[in-house]
Amino acid sequence: MGRRSMPGCDTTDLGRCESCAVRRFGLCNALTRDELRQIRQIANRRVYKPGDQILIGEEETPFFAAIYSGAVKLSKILFDGRQQVVGLLLAPDCLGRVFGKPSPYFAEATTDVELCCFPHTAFQKMLDDYPELKQRLLEQTIDELDSARDWMVLLGRKSAEERVASLLLMLAMRLRHTRYDARGTDCPVVLDLYLKRHEIGDYLGLTYETVCRQIRNLCEKNLISQSGRRQFTVPSLSALAQAAG
């Protein structure tokens, strides 16, 4: 696991809310301008470096957060010390439990991460005061549940190549969505693969060697091309979607 971090908080940059590139996809999209000013009064900003621990499994956390930028890895530690990666969160996903219960998962920054954090009690009051915010939280929670069920299908039924292709497709689609990219599915997308190869194996239920082999196979089929250690170009999302099954 990564190192434990106690990052400082800074509220001076929260004026970025109105120009936030991912706000319309997240919880804050449910708020009016006046309500947005109110939520800024209870929010603070936390910054993490790659490898920093954000949440420690089964420990109480003082905040509920929305990801402003970066990628967060969720993992579960088994009784014998093995790690199972169970999720990859990107902006504007939510992190933690709204009602203050300990999270059963470890959360680790895989890139530089910025969080918009809200104290539990104050955020719960906002949910009571603004039904639209509560409705948006419910919708986002249901979307996450649907994604978890899709991942169960991936782990239970898909081949190794389909699993790796599905992960790359998910990242590419998220990137297009949050950047308001209205281009067709056959326009190239450049994406960063936020997990290391062995972490991808943990996430997809594959060995390190199999992950490397399947990435190489996808490159040989021209479904992806590698432009950096963790940066890939997807020439055609429709072709990658077919490979993902």
Protein backbone atom coordinates (compact mmCIF):
# COMPACT_ATOMS: atom_id res chain seq x y z
CA MET A 1 0.00 0.00 0.00
CA GLY A 2 1.03 3.63 -0.44
CA ARG A 3 2.28 5.93 2.27
CA ARG A 4 -0.18 7.46 4.68
CA SER A 5 -0.73 11.17 4.20
CA MET A 6 -2.05 14.01 6.34
CA PRO A 7 -2.43 16.71 3.66
CA GLY A 8 -3.21 20.30 4.47
CA CYS A 9 -6.52 21.93 3.63
CA ASP A 10 -7.01 25.08 1.58
CA THR A 11 -10.31 26.82 0.87
CA THR A 12 -8.86 29.64 -1.23
CA ASP A 13 -9.25 27.85 -4.57
CA LEU A 14 -12.89 26.84 -4.19
CA GLY A 15 -13.97 29.85 -6.24
CA ARG A 16 -13.19 27.60 -9.20
CA CYS A 17 -16.58 25.92 -8.70
CA GLU A 18 -18.38 27.96 -11.33
CA SER A 19 -15.69 27.25 -13.93
CA CYS A 20 -15.08 23.64 -12.86
CA ALA A 21 -14.74 21.44 -15.96
CA VAL A 22 -16.53 18.47 -14.37
CA ARG A 23 -19.11 20.21 -12.17
CA ARG A 24 -22.02 19.61 -14.51
CA PHE A 25 -21.42 15.85 -14.28
CA GLY A 26 -21.16 15.74 -10.49
CA LEU A 27 -23.22 16.45 -7.40
CA CYS A 28 -22.87 20.20 -7.64
CA ASN A 29 -24.79 20.25 -10.92
CA ALA A 30 -27.96 20.02 -8.81
CA LEU A 31 -27.25 23.37 -7.12
CA THR A 32 -28.15 26.91 -8.13
CA ARG A 33 -25.52 29.64 -8.03
CA ASP A 34 -26.66 30.77 -4.58
CA GLU A 35 -26.65 27.19 -3.29
CA LEU A 36 -23.19 26.68 -4.78
CA ARG A 37 -21.94 29.62 -2.71
CA GLN A 38 -23.36 27.96 0.40
CA ILE A 39 -21.69 24.62 -0.25
CA ARG A 40 -18.39 26.42 -0.78
CA GLN A 41 -18.66 27.72 2.78
CA ILE A 42 -18.50 24.18 4.20
CA ALA A 43 -16.01 22.78 1.69
CA ASN A 44 -12.26 22.53 1.85
CA ARG A 45 -9.65 21.37 -0.58
CA ARG A 46 -7.28 18.47 0.04
CA VAL A 47 -4.32 17.67 -2.18
CA TYR A 48 -2.60 14.28 -2.43
CA LYS A 49 0.47 12.99 -4.22
CA PRO A 50 0.71 9.62 -6.02
CA GLY A 51 0.91 6.84 -3.44
CA ASP A 52 -0.72 8.86 -0.64
CA GLN A 53 -3.37 7.09 1.40
CA ILE A 54 -6.67 8.98 1.38
CA LEU A 55 -8.86 6.51 3.28
CA ILE A 56 -7.77 3.69 5.55
CA GLY A 57 -10.04 0.65 5.55
CA GLU A 58 -12.43 0.45 8.52
CA GLU A 59 -11.26 3.78 9.96
CA GLU A 60 -13.55 6.76 10.55
CA THR A 61 -13.05 9.65 8.15
CA PRO A 62 -14.00 13.26 8.92
CA PHE A 63 -15.27 14.06 5.44
CA PHE A 64 -17.19 13.03 2.33
CA ALA A 65 -15.51 14.11 -0.90
CA ALA A 66 -15.94 14.70 -4.60
CA ILE A 67 -12.93 14.22 -6.85
CA TYR A 68 -11.96 17.48 -8.55
CA SER A 69 -9.04 16.04 -10.49
CA GLY A 70 -6.86 12.94 -10.63
CA ALA A 71 -7.46 9.21 -10.12
CA VAL A 72 -8.05 7.24 -6.91
CA LYS A 73 -7.58 3.49 -6.52
CA LEU A 74 -9.94 1.59 -4.21
CA SER A 75 -8.68 -1.70 -2.82
CA LYS A 76 -9.53 -4.35 -0.26
CA ILE A 77 -6.88 -6.14 1.79
CA LEU A 78 -7.58 -9.85 2.29
CA PHE A 79 -6.85 -11.67 5.55
CA ASP A 80 -3.57 -13.05 4.18
CA GLY A 81 -2.32 -9.64 3.03
CA ARG A 82 -3.24 -9.91 -0.63
CA GLN A 83 -4.65 -6.81 -2.29
CA GLN A 84 -7.72 -6.75 -4.51
CA VAL A 85 -8.29 -3.59 -6.52
CA VAL A 86 -12.06 -3.03 -6.54
CA GLY A 87 -12.42 0.32 -8.24
CA LEU A 88 -10.85 3.26 -10.02
CA LEU A 89 -12.44 6.63 -9.25
CA LEU A 90 -12.08 9.67 -11.50
CA ALA A 91 -13.50 13.20 -11.45
CA PRO A 92 -16.28 13.87 -10.50
CA ASP A 93 -16.82 10.57 -8.64
CA CYS A 94 -17.54 10.65 -4.91
CA LEU A 95 -15.31 9.19 -2.23
CA GLY A 96 -16.22 8.05 1.26
CA ARG A 97 -19.54 7.59 3.06
CA VAL A 98 -22.02 10.43 3.35
CA PHE A 99 -23.33 9.38 6.74
CA GLY A 100 -20.01 8.92 8.48
CA LYS A 101 -19.65 5.16 8.50
CA PRO A 102 -16.11 3.82 8.06
CA SER A 103 -15.28 2.86 4.50
CA PRO A 104 -14.38 -0.84 4.11
CA TYR A 105 -11.85 0.07 1.42
CA PHE A 106 -8.44 1.64 1.21
CA ALA A 107 -8.29 4.65 -1.11
CA GLU A 108 -4.94 5.60 -2.61
CA ALA A 109 -4.01 8.40 -5.00
CA THR A 110 -2.56 6.99 -8.22
CA THR A 111 -1.89 10.47 -9.63
CA ASP A 112 -1.86 13.97 -8.19
CA VAL A 113 -5.36 14.25 -6.71
CA GLU A 114 -7.48 17.19 -5.59
CA LEU A 115 -10.61 16.58 -3.53
CA CYS A 116 -13.47 18.87 -2.60
CA CYS A 117 -14.21 17.71 0.96
CA PHE A 118 -17.33 18.27 3.05
CA PRO A 119 -17.76 17.60 6.79
CA HIS A 120 -20.38 14.90 7.31
CA THR A 121 -22.78 16.85 9.52
CA ALA A 122 -22.79 19.98 7.38
CA PHE A 123 -23.20 18.01 4.16
CA GLN A 124 -26.06 15.96 5.59
CA LYS A 125 -27.85 19.21 6.48
CA MET A 126 -27.46 20.37 2.88
CA LEU A 127 -29.02 17.11 1.69
CA ASP A 128 -31.99 17.82 3.95
CA ASP A 129 -32.26 21.43 2.79
CA TYR A 130 -31.85 20.74 -0.94
CA PRO A 131 -33.79 17.72 -2.26
CA GLU A 132 -32.23 18.16 -5.71
CA LEU A 133 -28.81 17.49 -4.21
CA LYS A 134 -30.09 14.35 -2.49
CA GLN A 135 -31.68 13.20 -5.77
CA ARG A 136 -28.41 13.74 -7.66
CA LEU A 137 -26.52 11.75 -5.03
CA LEU A 138 -29.02 8.90 -5.38
CA GLU A 139 -28.68 8.92 -9.17
CA GLN A 140 -24.90 8.84 -8.95
CA THR A 141 -25.02 5.99 -6.43
CA ILE A 142 -27.28 3.96 -8.75
CA ASP A 143 -24.89 4.61 -11.66
CA GLU A 144 -22.02 3.26 -9.54
CA LEU A 145 -24.08 0.17 -8.67
CA ASP A 146 -24.77 -0.46 -12.36
CA SER A 147 -21.04 -0.14 -13.09
CA ALA A 148 -20.24 -2.64 -10.33
CA ARG A 149 -22.68 -5.14 -11.84
CA ASP A 150 -21.14 -4.65 -15.28
CA TRP A 151 -17.75 -5.39 -13.71
CA MET A 152 -19.14 -8.63 -12.28
CA VAL A 153 -20.00 -9.69 -15.83
CA LEU A 154 -16.50 -8.75 -16.95
CA LEU A 155 -14.82 -10.82 -14.24
CA GLY A 156 -17.15 -13.77 -14.61
CA ARG A 157 -17.58 -14.13 -18.36
CA LYS A 158 -15.09 -12.14 -20.42
CA SER A 159 -11.80 -13.35 -21.84
CA ALA A 160 -8.48 -11.80 -20.86
CA GLU A 161 -8.37 -9.66 -24.00
CA GLU A 162 -11.95 -8.50 -23.46
CA ARG A 163 -11.16 -7.52 -19.86
CA VAL A 164 -8.17 -5.37 -20.79
CA ALA A 165 -10.05 -3.84 -23.73
CA SER A 166 -13.01 -3.10 -21.44
CA LEU A 167 -10.81 -1.21 -18.98
CA LEU A 168 -9.27 0.90 -21.74
CA LEU A 169 -12.70 1.51 -23.26
CA MET A 170 -14.09 2.64 -19.90
CA LEU A 171 -11.28 5.14 -19.42
CA ALA A 172 -11.62 6.45 -22.98
CA MET A 173 -15.38 6.88 -22.67
CA ARG A 174 -15.04 8.69 -19.34
CA LEU A 175 -12.47 11.02 -20.88
CA ARG A 176 -14.72 11.88 -23.82
CA HIS A 177 -17.70 12.39 -21.53
CA THR A 178 -16.06 14.80 -19.10
CA ARG A 179 -14.41 16.80 -21.86
CA TYR A 180 -17.71 17.39 -23.66
CA ASP A 181 -16.28 15.60 -26.67
CA ALA A 182 -19.14 15.31 -29.16
CA ARG A 183 -17.00 13.78 -31.88
CA GLY A 184 -17.86 10.40 -33.34
CA THR A 185 -16.68 7.14 -31.83
CA ASP A 186 -14.08 6.73 -34.58
CA CYS A 187 -12.08 9.80 -33.58
CA PRO A 188 -8.82 9.02 -31.72
CA VAL A 189 -8.73 9.39 -27.94
CA VAL A 190 -5.52 9.78 -25.95
CA LEU A 191 -5.77 8.43 -22.41
CA ASP A 192 -3.63 7.71 -19.38
CA LEU A 193 -3.69 4.24 -17.84
CA TYR A 194 -3.66 5.20 -14.17
CA LEU A 195 -2.84 1.75 -12.78
CA LYS A 196 0.42 -0.17 -12.91
CA ARG A 197 0.40 -3.48 -14.75
CA HIS A 198 0.20 -5.59 -11.59
CA GLU A 199 -2.62 -3.36 -10.28
CA ILE A 200 -4.49 -3.89 -13.54
CA GLY A 201 -4.05 -7.61 -12.95
CA ASP A 202 -5.52 -7.25 -9.44
CA TYR A 203 -8.42 -5.25 -10.86
CA LEU A 204 -9.19 -7.61 -13.74
CA GLY A 205 -8.38 -10.94 -12.10
CA LEU A 206 -5.37 -11.55 -14.35
CA THR A 207 -1.67 -12.13 -13.85
CA TYR A 208 0.92 -9.46 -14.55
CA GLU A 209 2.20 -11.46 -17.53
CA THR A 210 -1.28 -11.83 -19.00
CA VAL A 211 -1.95 -8.09 -18.73
CA CYS A 212 1.31 -7.29 -20.55
CA ARG A 213 0.56 -9.89 -23.22
CA GLN A 214 -2.97 -8.61 -23.85
CA ILE A 215 -1.83 -4.98 -24.10
CA ARG A 216 0.76 -6.13 -26.62
CA ASN A 217 -1.91 -8.05 -28.55
CA LEU A 218 -4.20 -5.02 -28.69
CA CYS A 219 -1.30 -2.93 -29.99
CA GLU A 220 -0.51 -5.53 -32.67
CA LYS A 221 -4.14 -5.44 -33.78
CA ASN A 222 -3.92 -1.62 -34.01
CA LEU A 223 -6.75 -1.27 -31.51
CA ILE A 224 -4.47 0.85 -29.31
CA SER A 225 -1.03 2.39 -29.65
CA GLN A 226 1.33 3.20 -26.82
CA SER A 227 2.78 6.73 -26.73
CA GLY A 228 4.26 6.58 -23.23
CA ARG A 229 4.73 4.19 -20.35
CA ARG A 230 1.09 4.61 -19.31
CA GLN A 231 -0.30 6.70 -22.16
CA PHE A 232 -2.25 5.13 -24.99
CA THR A 233 -4.10 6.28 -28.08
CA VAL A 234 -7.34 4.59 -29.07
CA PRO A 235 -7.78 5.11 -32.84
CA SER A 236 -11.39 3.89 -32.90
CA LEU A 237 -13.67 3.51 -29.90
CA SER A 238 -16.11 1.40 -31.90
CA ALA A 239 -13.36 -1.08 -32.82
CA LEU A 240 -12.17 -1.22 -29.20
CA ALA A 241 -15.78 -1.72 -28.03
CA GLN A 242 -16.06 -4.74 -30.34
CA ALA A 243 -12.88 -6.19 -28.86
CA ALA A 244 -14.29 -5.57 -25.37
CA GLY A 245 -17.26 -7.77 -26.17
